[in-house]
Amino acid sequence: MKTIKSILTVIAIIFIATWFGSFTLNEKWHYEKSISVNATPDKIYQLTTDLKNWEKWSPWYGIDTNTKWTFSDTTFGVGAWYTWSSEKRKVGKGKITIIEAIANQSNKYILEFEGMDSSTAGFILEPEGDFSTKVTWTLDGENKGMAKWFGLFMGIFVSKDYEEGLENIKRISESK
């Protein structure tokens, strides 16, 4: 009985500490990953701002070959969107909508996964010399209450996919 009471006390302390700790965390979180690419910004901008080009580099395209993709009439620039639907948990269902596009400099899009709060992501393209570009892929979101802990671990959740996507962009941009 004493052991059970001790275990329950420890669990209660952990829960209370986690709950109170969530009050000290920021609601907003940010993650980014960068890579240098030996290509001009205009070449990379086409890959990242035309949603039809995402299948060439996105780490999520090959996970489920049965994923259903639906694209807006225009796939390039502000207002372009696509939805996806998959039975695989890692892919799920969602929508991406481009909300900002500055030619050869950056883009931003809303990322919506079914059952989760939306987040904002995008690409920043910074020239490095005459024929190189620093490509930064960003992700920003906001969580409330206990969900604020989620933001602390965002890098763990997406770092592998971001690295793979950026490496794919680099390989494609440098190959031609």
N, C-alpha and C. Protein backbone atom coordinates (compact mmCIF):
# COMPACT_ATOMS: atom_id res chain seq x y z
N MET A 1 0.82 -1.20 0.00
CA MET A 1 0.00 0.00 0.00
C MET A 1 0.86 1.26 0.00
N LYS A 2 1.95 1.21 0.78
CA LYS A 2 2.84 2.36 0.86
C LYS A 2 3.52 2.61 -0.49
N THR A 3 3.87 1.54 -1.21
CA THR A 3 4.50 1.66 -2.53
C THR A 3 3.53 2.28 -3.53
N ILE A 4 2.29 1.86 -3.53
CA ILE A 4 1.28 2.42 -4.43
C ILE A 4 1.09 3.90 -4.13
N LYS A 5 1.04 4.26 -2.86
CA LYS A 5 0.86 5.66 -2.47
C LYS A 5 2.06 6.49 -2.93
N SER A 6 3.26 5.95 -2.82
CA SER A 6 4.46 6.65 -3.27
C SER A 6 4.45 6.86 -4.78
N ILE A 7 4.05 5.81 -5.51
CA ILE A 7 3.98 5.91 -6.98
C ILE A 7 2.95 6.97 -7.39
N LEU A 8 1.79 6.95 -6.77
CA LEU A 8 0.76 7.93 -7.08
C LEU A 8 1.20 9.34 -6.73
N THR A 9 1.94 9.49 -5.65
CA THR A 9 2.47 10.80 -5.26
C THR A 9 3.45 11.31 -6.30
N VAL A 10 4.34 10.45 -6.76
CA VAL A 10 5.32 10.84 -7.79
C VAL A 10 4.60 11.23 -9.08
N ILE A 11 3.62 10.45 -9.49
CA ILE A 11 2.84 10.77 -10.70
C ILE A 11 2.14 12.11 -10.54
N ALA A 12 1.56 12.36 -9.39
CA ALA A 12 0.87 13.63 -9.14
C ALA A 12 1.85 14.80 -9.19
N ILE A 13 3.02 14.63 -8.60
CA ILE A 13 4.03 15.69 -8.61
C ILE A 13 4.47 15.98 -10.04
N ILE A 14 4.71 14.94 -10.83
CA ILE A 14 5.12 15.13 -12.23
C ILE A 14 4.02 15.86 -13.00
N PHE A 15 2.78 15.44 -12.83
CA PHE A 15 1.67 16.09 -13.53
C PHE A 15 1.56 17.56 -13.12
N ILE A 16 1.61 17.84 -11.85
CA ILE A 16 1.49 19.23 -11.36
C ILE A 16 2.65 20.08 -11.86
N ALA A 17 3.88 19.52 -11.81
CA ALA A 17 5.05 20.27 -12.29
C ALA A 17 4.93 20.55 -13.79
N THR A 18 4.46 19.57 -14.54
CA THR A 18 4.27 19.75 -15.98
C THR A 18 3.21 20.80 -16.25
N TRP A 19 2.12 20.75 -15.51
CA TRP A 19 1.03 21.70 -15.70
C TRP A 19 1.48 23.12 -15.36
N PHE A 20 2.12 23.29 -14.20
CA PHE A 20 2.61 24.61 -13.82
C PHE A 20 3.72 25.07 -14.76
N GLY A 21 4.57 24.14 -15.19
CA GLY A 21 5.63 24.48 -16.13
C GLY A 21 5.11 25.02 -17.44
N SER A 22 3.95 24.55 -17.85
CA SER A 22 3.38 25.03 -19.12
C SER A 22 3.05 26.52 -19.07
N PHE A 23 2.84 27.07 -17.87
CA PHE A 23 2.57 28.50 -17.75
C PHE A 23 3.81 29.35 -18.06
N THR A 24 4.99 28.76 -17.91
CA THR A 24 6.23 29.49 -18.16
C THR A 24 6.67 29.42 -19.62
N LEU A 25 6.06 28.54 -20.39
CA LEU A 25 6.45 28.35 -21.79
C LEU A 25 5.77 29.36 -22.70
N ASN A 26 6.46 29.73 -23.76
CA ASN A 26 5.91 30.63 -24.76
C ASN A 26 4.86 29.88 -25.60
N GLU A 27 3.77 30.55 -25.93
CA GLU A 27 2.75 29.92 -26.78
C GLU A 27 3.24 29.76 -28.21
N LYS A 28 4.11 30.66 -28.65
CA LYS A 28 4.60 30.61 -30.03
C LYS A 28 5.91 29.85 -30.08
N TRP A 29 6.10 29.08 -31.16
CA TRP A 29 7.33 28.35 -31.36
C TRP A 29 7.82 28.55 -32.79
N HIS A 30 9.10 28.31 -33.01
CA HIS A 30 9.73 28.52 -34.31
C HIS A 30 10.77 27.43 -34.52
N TYR A 31 10.84 26.92 -35.75
CA TYR A 31 11.89 25.99 -36.14
C TYR A 31 12.35 26.39 -37.54
N GLU A 32 13.64 26.25 -37.79
CA GLU A 32 14.16 26.49 -39.14
C GLU A 32 15.39 25.65 -39.38
N LYS A 33 15.61 25.38 -40.65
CA LYS A 33 16.77 24.61 -41.09
C LYS A 33 17.25 25.25 -42.38
N SER A 34 18.57 25.37 -42.54
CA SER A 34 19.14 26.02 -43.72
C SER A 34 20.16 25.13 -44.42
N ILE A 35 20.37 25.45 -45.69
CA ILE A 35 21.38 24.76 -46.49
C ILE A 35 21.88 25.74 -47.56
N SER A 36 23.15 25.62 -47.95
CA SER A 36 23.68 26.41 -49.06
C SER A 36 23.56 25.58 -50.33
N VAL A 37 23.04 26.24 -51.37
CA VAL A 37 22.80 25.56 -52.65
C VAL A 37 23.55 26.32 -53.74
N ASN A 38 24.29 25.61 -54.57
CA ASN A 38 25.01 26.23 -55.68
C ASN A 38 24.06 26.42 -56.86
N ALA A 39 23.15 27.37 -56.68
CA ALA A 39 22.18 27.74 -57.71
C ALA A 39 21.65 29.12 -57.37
N THR A 40 21.12 29.79 -58.36
CA THR A 40 20.57 31.13 -58.14
C THR A 40 19.18 31.03 -57.50
N PRO A 41 18.77 32.09 -56.78
CA PRO A 41 17.48 32.07 -56.11
C PRO A 41 16.29 31.78 -57.04
N ASP A 42 16.33 32.27 -58.29
CA ASP A 42 15.18 32.07 -59.19
C ASP A 42 14.92 30.59 -59.46
N LYS A 43 15.96 29.80 -59.55
CA LYS A 43 15.82 28.36 -59.80
C LYS A 43 15.15 27.68 -58.59
N ILE A 44 15.57 28.05 -57.40
CA ILE A 44 15.04 27.46 -56.18
C ILE A 44 13.62 27.96 -55.92
N TYR A 45 13.37 29.22 -56.25
CA TYR A 45 12.04 29.80 -56.06
C TYR A 45 10.99 29.02 -56.85
N GLN A 46 11.33 28.60 -58.06
CA GLN A 46 10.40 27.83 -58.88
C GLN A 46 10.07 26.48 -58.22
N LEU A 47 11.05 25.86 -57.61
CA LEU A 47 10.84 24.57 -56.94
C LEU A 47 9.95 24.71 -55.70
N THR A 48 10.11 25.82 -54.98
CA THR A 48 9.42 25.96 -53.69
C THR A 48 8.11 26.73 -53.76
N THR A 49 7.85 27.41 -54.86
CA THR A 49 6.65 28.24 -54.95
C THR A 49 5.63 27.67 -55.93
N ASP A 50 6.01 26.72 -56.76
CA ASP A 50 5.05 26.00 -57.61
C ASP A 50 4.77 24.66 -56.94
N LEU A 51 3.57 24.52 -56.41
CA LEU A 51 3.22 23.33 -55.63
C LEU A 51 3.33 22.03 -56.42
N LYS A 52 3.20 22.09 -57.73
CA LYS A 52 3.38 20.89 -58.56
C LYS A 52 4.83 20.40 -58.52
N ASN A 53 5.77 21.31 -58.27
CA ASN A 53 7.18 20.93 -58.19
C ASN A 53 7.54 20.24 -56.87
N TRP A 54 6.66 20.33 -55.87
CA TRP A 54 6.98 19.75 -54.57
C TRP A 54 7.16 18.24 -54.64
N GLU A 55 6.48 17.60 -55.56
CA GLU A 55 6.63 16.14 -55.65
C GLU A 55 8.06 15.75 -56.03
N LYS A 56 8.83 16.67 -56.58
CA LYS A 56 10.22 16.41 -56.96
C LYS A 56 11.15 16.37 -55.73
N TRP A 57 10.80 17.13 -54.69
CA TRP A 57 11.74 17.26 -53.57
C TRP A 57 11.14 16.98 -52.18
N SER A 58 9.84 17.07 -52.03
CA SER A 58 9.23 16.93 -50.71
C SER A 58 9.43 15.55 -50.11
N PRO A 59 9.86 15.47 -48.86
CA PRO A 59 10.08 14.18 -48.23
C PRO A 59 8.80 13.40 -47.95
N TRP A 60 7.65 14.04 -48.09
CA TRP A 60 6.38 13.40 -47.76
C TRP A 60 5.70 12.74 -48.96
N TYR A 61 6.18 13.02 -50.17
CA TYR A 61 5.52 12.48 -51.35
C TYR A 61 5.64 10.97 -51.49
N GLY A 62 6.74 10.39 -51.07
CA GLY A 62 6.94 8.96 -51.30
C GLY A 62 6.46 8.05 -50.18
N ILE A 63 5.94 8.61 -49.11
CA ILE A 63 5.55 7.80 -47.95
C ILE A 63 4.39 6.87 -48.26
N ASP A 64 3.38 7.38 -48.95
CA ASP A 64 2.21 6.57 -49.29
C ASP A 64 1.84 6.81 -50.74
N THR A 65 2.08 5.82 -51.58
CA THR A 65 1.78 5.97 -53.01
C THR A 65 0.28 6.03 -53.29
N ASN A 66 -0.54 5.71 -52.30
CA ASN A 66 -2.00 5.79 -52.47
C ASN A 66 -2.58 7.13 -52.01
N THR A 67 -1.73 8.06 -51.63
CA THR A 67 -2.21 9.38 -51.21
C THR A 67 -2.95 10.04 -52.36
N LYS A 68 -4.08 10.65 -52.03
CA LYS A 68 -4.87 11.40 -53.03
C LYS A 68 -4.52 12.88 -52.92
N TRP A 69 -4.07 13.47 -54.05
CA TRP A 69 -3.67 14.87 -54.10
C TRP A 69 -4.69 15.64 -54.93
N THR A 70 -5.09 16.80 -54.46
CA THR A 70 -5.99 17.68 -55.21
C THR A 70 -5.35 19.07 -55.23
N PHE A 71 -5.21 19.64 -56.44
CA PHE A 71 -4.56 20.94 -56.61
C PHE A 71 -5.57 21.99 -57.04
N SER A 72 -5.30 23.23 -56.64
CA SER A 72 -6.09 24.36 -57.13
C SER A 72 -5.80 24.55 -58.62
N ASP A 73 -6.62 25.36 -59.29
CA ASP A 73 -6.43 25.58 -60.73
C ASP A 73 -5.04 26.12 -61.04
N THR A 74 -4.57 27.05 -60.22
CA THR A 74 -3.21 27.54 -60.37
C THR A 74 -2.37 26.98 -59.23
N THR A 75 -1.19 26.50 -59.55
CA THR A 75 -0.35 25.87 -58.52
C THR A 75 0.83 26.75 -58.12
N PHE A 76 0.91 27.95 -58.70
CA PHE A 76 2.06 28.82 -58.44
C PHE A 76 1.62 30.12 -57.79
N GLY A 77 2.30 30.50 -56.72
CA GLY A 77 2.13 31.81 -56.11
C GLY A 77 0.97 31.90 -55.12
N VAL A 78 0.70 33.14 -54.72
CA VAL A 78 -0.31 33.40 -53.69
C VAL A 78 -1.67 32.85 -54.11
N GLY A 79 -2.29 32.14 -53.19
CA GLY A 79 -3.60 31.55 -53.44
C GLY A 79 -3.56 30.11 -53.91
N ALA A 80 -2.41 29.67 -54.40
CA ALA A 80 -2.28 28.27 -54.83
C ALA A 80 -2.39 27.36 -53.61
N TRP A 81 -3.02 26.20 -53.81
CA TRP A 81 -3.18 25.27 -52.69
C TRP A 81 -3.22 23.84 -53.21
N TYR A 82 -2.98 22.92 -52.29
CA TYR A 82 -3.26 21.52 -52.56
C TYR A 82 -3.69 20.85 -51.27
N THR A 83 -4.48 19.79 -51.43
CA THR A 83 -4.89 18.98 -50.29
C THR A 83 -4.37 17.57 -50.51
N TRP A 84 -4.24 16.85 -49.42
CA TRP A 84 -3.85 15.45 -49.50
C TRP A 84 -4.67 14.64 -48.52
N SER A 85 -4.80 13.37 -48.83
CA SER A 85 -5.55 12.46 -47.98
C SER A 85 -4.92 11.08 -48.07
N SER A 86 -4.55 10.54 -46.91
CA SER A 86 -3.90 9.24 -46.85
C SER A 86 -4.41 8.49 -45.62
N GLU A 87 -4.46 7.19 -45.74
CA GLU A 87 -4.82 6.35 -44.60
C GLU A 87 -3.64 6.15 -43.65
N LYS A 88 -2.44 6.44 -44.11
CA LYS A 88 -1.25 6.29 -43.27
C LYS A 88 -1.17 7.45 -42.29
N ARG A 89 -0.95 7.13 -41.05
CA ARG A 89 -0.94 8.13 -39.97
C ARG A 89 0.12 9.21 -40.19
N LYS A 90 1.30 8.83 -40.66
CA LYS A 90 2.38 9.81 -40.87
C LYS A 90 2.02 10.85 -41.93
N VAL A 91 1.16 10.50 -42.86
CA VAL A 91 0.76 11.43 -43.93
C VAL A 91 -0.55 12.12 -43.54
N GLY A 92 -1.57 11.37 -43.20
CA GLY A 92 -2.84 11.93 -42.75
C GLY A 92 -3.57 12.72 -43.83
N LYS A 93 -4.29 13.76 -43.37
CA LYS A 93 -5.05 14.62 -44.28
C LYS A 93 -4.70 16.07 -43.96
N GLY A 94 -4.70 16.90 -45.00
CA GLY A 94 -4.38 18.30 -44.74
C GLY A 94 -4.42 19.15 -45.99
N LYS A 95 -3.93 20.38 -45.81
CA LYS A 95 -3.95 21.35 -46.90
C LYS A 95 -2.79 22.32 -46.73
N ILE A 96 -2.20 22.71 -47.85
CA ILE A 96 -1.18 23.76 -47.90
C ILE A 96 -1.71 24.86 -48.81
N THR A 97 -1.62 26.10 -48.34
CA THR A 97 -2.05 27.26 -49.13
C THR A 97 -0.95 28.31 -49.09
N ILE A 98 -0.48 28.74 -50.24
CA ILE A 98 0.53 29.80 -50.29
C ILE A 98 -0.14 31.13 -50.00
N ILE A 99 0.39 31.85 -49.01
CA ILE A 99 -0.20 33.13 -48.59
C ILE A 99 0.68 34.33 -48.90
N GLU A 100 1.93 34.07 -49.26
CA GLU A 100 2.84 35.16 -49.60
C GLU A 100 3.91 34.63 -50.53
N ALA A 101 4.25 35.41 -51.54
CA ALA A 101 5.31 35.02 -52.47
C ALA A 101 6.01 36.28 -52.98
N ILE A 102 7.27 36.41 -52.64
CA ILE A 102 8.09 37.53 -53.12
C ILE A 102 9.11 36.93 -54.08
N ALA A 103 8.98 37.27 -55.35
CA ALA A 103 9.76 36.65 -56.42
C ALA A 103 11.24 36.51 -56.07
N ASN A 104 11.72 35.29 -56.15
CA ASN A 104 13.12 34.93 -55.97
C ASN A 104 13.68 35.27 -54.58
N GLN A 105 12.78 35.54 -53.61
CA GLN A 105 13.22 35.88 -52.26
C GLN A 105 12.62 34.99 -51.18
N SER A 106 11.30 34.77 -51.26
CA SER A 106 10.67 34.00 -50.18
C SER A 106 9.24 33.62 -50.54
N ASN A 107 8.71 32.70 -49.75
CA ASN A 107 7.29 32.40 -49.79
C ASN A 107 6.85 31.96 -48.40
N LYS A 108 5.57 32.05 -48.15
CA LYS A 108 4.99 31.56 -46.91
C LYS A 108 3.72 30.80 -47.25
N TYR A 109 3.45 29.77 -46.46
CA TYR A 109 2.24 29.01 -46.68
C TYR A 109 1.64 28.58 -45.35
N ILE A 110 0.33 28.38 -45.38
CA ILE A 110 -0.38 27.84 -44.22
C ILE A 110 -0.38 26.33 -44.35
N LEU A 111 -0.02 25.65 -43.29
CA LEU A 111 0.02 24.20 -43.24
C LEU A 111 -1.05 23.73 -42.27
N GLU A 112 -2.02 22.98 -42.79
CA GLU A 112 -3.12 22.50 -41.96
C GLU A 112 -3.16 20.97 -41.99
N PHE A 113 -3.01 20.38 -40.81
CA PHE A 113 -3.20 18.94 -40.65
C PHE A 113 -4.51 18.71 -39.94
N GLU A 114 -5.30 17.76 -40.42
CA GLU A 114 -6.57 17.47 -39.79
C GLU A 114 -6.35 17.12 -38.31
N GLY A 115 -7.12 17.75 -37.44
CA GLY A 115 -7.05 17.48 -36.02
C GLY A 115 -5.98 18.26 -35.27
N MET A 116 -5.28 19.16 -35.96
CA MET A 116 -4.23 19.95 -35.31
C MET A 116 -4.42 21.42 -35.64
N ASP A 117 -3.81 22.29 -34.83
CA ASP A 117 -3.80 23.71 -35.14
C ASP A 117 -2.96 23.94 -36.39
N SER A 118 -3.33 24.96 -37.16
CA SER A 118 -2.54 25.27 -38.35
C SER A 118 -1.22 25.93 -37.95
N SER A 119 -0.27 25.87 -38.84
CA SER A 119 1.01 26.54 -38.63
C SER A 119 1.38 27.27 -39.92
N THR A 120 2.38 28.11 -39.84
CA THR A 120 2.87 28.85 -41.00
C THR A 120 4.29 28.39 -41.29
N ALA A 121 4.56 28.14 -42.53
CA ALA A 121 5.89 27.70 -42.94
C ALA A 121 6.30 28.47 -44.19
N GLY A 122 7.52 28.29 -44.61
CA GLY A 122 7.95 28.97 -45.82
C GLY A 122 9.43 28.81 -46.09
N PHE A 123 9.86 29.46 -47.16
CA PHE A 123 11.24 29.42 -47.59
C PHE A 123 11.78 30.84 -47.73
N ILE A 124 13.00 31.03 -47.26
CA ILE A 124 13.71 32.30 -47.43
C ILE A 124 14.94 32.00 -48.27
N LEU A 125 15.13 32.77 -49.34
CA LEU A 125 16.24 32.57 -50.27
C LEU A 125 17.16 33.78 -50.20
N GLU A 126 18.39 33.55 -49.76
CA GLU A 126 19.35 34.65 -49.61
C GLU A 126 20.57 34.37 -50.48
N PRO A 127 20.83 35.25 -51.47
CA PRO A 127 22.00 35.05 -52.33
C PRO A 127 23.29 35.05 -51.51
N GLU A 128 24.20 34.14 -51.88
CA GLU A 128 25.53 34.07 -51.29
C GLU A 128 26.53 34.12 -52.44
N GLY A 129 26.95 35.29 -52.78
CA GLY A 129 27.84 35.44 -53.93
C GLY A 129 27.05 35.42 -55.22
N ASP A 130 27.75 35.10 -56.32
CA ASP A 130 27.13 35.14 -57.64
C ASP A 130 26.27 33.92 -57.96
N PHE A 131 26.63 32.76 -57.43
CA PHE A 131 25.94 31.55 -57.86
C PHE A 131 25.69 30.59 -56.70
N SER A 132 25.30 31.14 -55.58
CA SER A 132 24.98 30.31 -54.43
C SER A 132 23.85 30.97 -53.66
N THR A 133 23.03 30.17 -53.02
CA THR A 133 21.87 30.67 -52.28
C THR A 133 21.74 29.94 -50.96
N LYS A 134 21.54 30.70 -49.91
CA LYS A 134 21.20 30.09 -48.62
C LYS A 134 19.69 29.90 -48.61
N VAL A 135 19.25 28.64 -48.46
CA VAL A 135 17.83 28.31 -48.44
C VAL A 135 17.47 27.96 -47.00
N THR A 136 16.52 28.72 -46.44
CA THR A 136 16.06 28.47 -45.07
C THR A 136 14.60 28.08 -45.12
N TRP A 137 14.29 26.93 -44.56
CA TRP A 137 12.92 26.41 -44.49
C TRP A 137 12.45 26.64 -43.06
N THR A 138 11.37 27.38 -42.89
CA THR A 138 10.89 27.77 -41.57
C THR A 138 9.56 27.10 -41.24
N LEU A 139 9.25 27.06 -39.96
CA LEU A 139 7.98 26.55 -39.47
C LEU A 139 7.65 27.27 -38.17
N ASP A 140 6.47 27.89 -38.12
CA ASP A 140 6.03 28.64 -36.94
C ASP A 140 4.64 28.22 -36.55
N GLY A 141 4.42 28.14 -35.25
CA GLY A 141 3.10 27.76 -34.76
C GLY A 141 2.83 28.33 -33.39
N GLU A 142 1.67 27.99 -32.89
CA GLU A 142 1.24 28.48 -31.59
C GLU A 142 0.40 27.40 -30.92
N ASN A 143 0.68 27.17 -29.65
CA ASN A 143 -0.08 26.21 -28.87
C ASN A 143 -0.46 26.83 -27.53
N LYS A 144 -1.55 26.40 -26.98
CA LYS A 144 -2.02 26.92 -25.70
C LYS A 144 -2.03 25.81 -24.66
N GLY A 145 -2.02 26.21 -23.39
CA GLY A 145 -2.12 25.26 -22.29
C GLY A 145 -1.01 24.23 -22.29
N MET A 146 -1.37 23.00 -21.98
CA MET A 146 -0.39 21.91 -21.92
C MET A 146 0.23 21.63 -23.28
N ALA A 147 -0.46 21.99 -24.36
CA ALA A 147 0.06 21.76 -25.70
C ALA A 147 1.30 22.60 -25.99
N LYS A 148 1.60 23.60 -25.15
CA LYS A 148 2.80 24.42 -25.36
C LYS A 148 4.07 23.58 -25.30
N TRP A 149 4.02 22.45 -24.61
CA TRP A 149 5.18 21.56 -24.56
C TRP A 149 5.51 21.02 -25.95
N PHE A 150 4.50 20.88 -26.78
CA PHE A 150 4.67 20.38 -28.14
C PHE A 150 5.68 21.22 -28.92
N GLY A 151 5.61 22.54 -28.76
CA GLY A 151 6.51 23.44 -29.47
C GLY A 151 7.97 23.24 -29.12
N LEU A 152 8.25 22.83 -27.88
CA LEU A 152 9.64 22.60 -27.48
C LEU A 152 10.29 21.46 -28.26
N PHE A 153 9.48 20.53 -28.70
CA PHE A 153 10.00 19.34 -29.35
C PHE A 153 9.79 19.34 -30.87
N MET A 154 9.36 20.47 -31.43
CA MET A 154 9.07 20.53 -32.86
C MET A 154 10.30 20.15 -33.69
N GLY A 155 11.47 20.59 -33.29
CA GLY A 155 12.68 20.25 -34.02
C GLY A 155 12.90 18.76 -34.13
N ILE A 156 12.57 18.03 -33.08
CA ILE A 156 12.71 16.57 -33.09
C ILE A 156 11.74 15.97 -34.11
N PHE A 157 10.53 16.51 -34.17
CA PHE A 157 9.50 15.96 -35.05
C PHE A 157 9.79 16.19 -36.53
N VAL A 158 10.34 17.35 -36.88
CA VAL A 158 10.47 17.69 -38.31
C VAL A 158 11.89 17.77 -38.83
N SER A 159 12.90 17.70 -37.98
CA SER A 159 14.27 17.94 -38.44
C SER A 159 14.70 16.97 -39.54
N LYS A 160 14.39 15.70 -39.41
CA LYS A 160 14.79 14.71 -40.43
C LYS A 160 14.12 15.03 -41.77
N ASP A 161 12.83 15.34 -41.75
CA ASP A 161 12.11 15.66 -42.98
C ASP A 161 12.63 16.96 -43.61
N TYR A 162 12.90 17.96 -42.79
CA TYR A 162 13.43 19.23 -43.31
C TYR A 162 14.81 19.02 -43.94
N GLU A 163 15.66 18.24 -43.27
CA GLU A 163 16.98 17.95 -43.84
C GLU A 163 16.86 17.25 -45.18
N GLU A 164 16.00 16.24 -45.25
CA GLU A 164 15.81 15.49 -46.49
C GLU A 164 15.27 16.40 -47.61
N GLY A 165 14.27 17.22 -47.29
CA GLY A 165 13.71 18.12 -48.29
C GLY A 165 14.73 19.12 -48.80
N LEU A 166 15.51 19.70 -47.90
CA LEU A 166 16.53 20.66 -48.31
C LEU A 166 17.63 19.98 -49.14
N GLU A 167 18.02 18.79 -48.76
CA GLU A 167 19.01 18.05 -49.55
C GLU A 167 18.48 17.74 -50.95
N ASN A 168 17.18 17.41 -51.04
CA ASN A 168 16.56 17.16 -52.35
C ASN A 168 16.55 18.43 -53.19
N ILE A 169 16.20 19.56 -52.58
CA ILE A 169 16.21 20.85 -53.30
C ILE A 169 17.62 21.13 -53.81
N LYS A 170 18.61 20.91 -52.97
CA LYS A 170 20.01 21.13 -53.36
C LYS A 170 20.40 20.23 -54.54
N ARG A 171 20.09 18.95 -54.43
CA ARG A 171 20.45 17.99 -55.49
C ARG A 171 19.79 18.39 -56.81
N ILE A 172 18.52 18.70 -56.78
CA ILE A 172 17.80 19.06 -58.01
C ILE A 172 18.31 20.36 -58.58
N SER A 173 18.50 21.37 -57.73
CA SER A 173 18.94 22.69 -58.20
C SER A 173 20.35 22.67 -58.77
N GLU A 174 21.19 21.83 -58.22
CA GLU A 174 22.59 21.78 -58.67
C GLU A 174 22.80 20.82 -59.84
N SER A 175 21.79 20.02 -60.17
CA SER A 175 21.99 18.98 -61.20
C SER A 175 21.91 19.50 -62.62
N LYS A 176 21.29 20.66 -62.83
CA LYS A 176 21.11 21.12 -64.21
C LYS A 176 22.09 22.22 -64.56
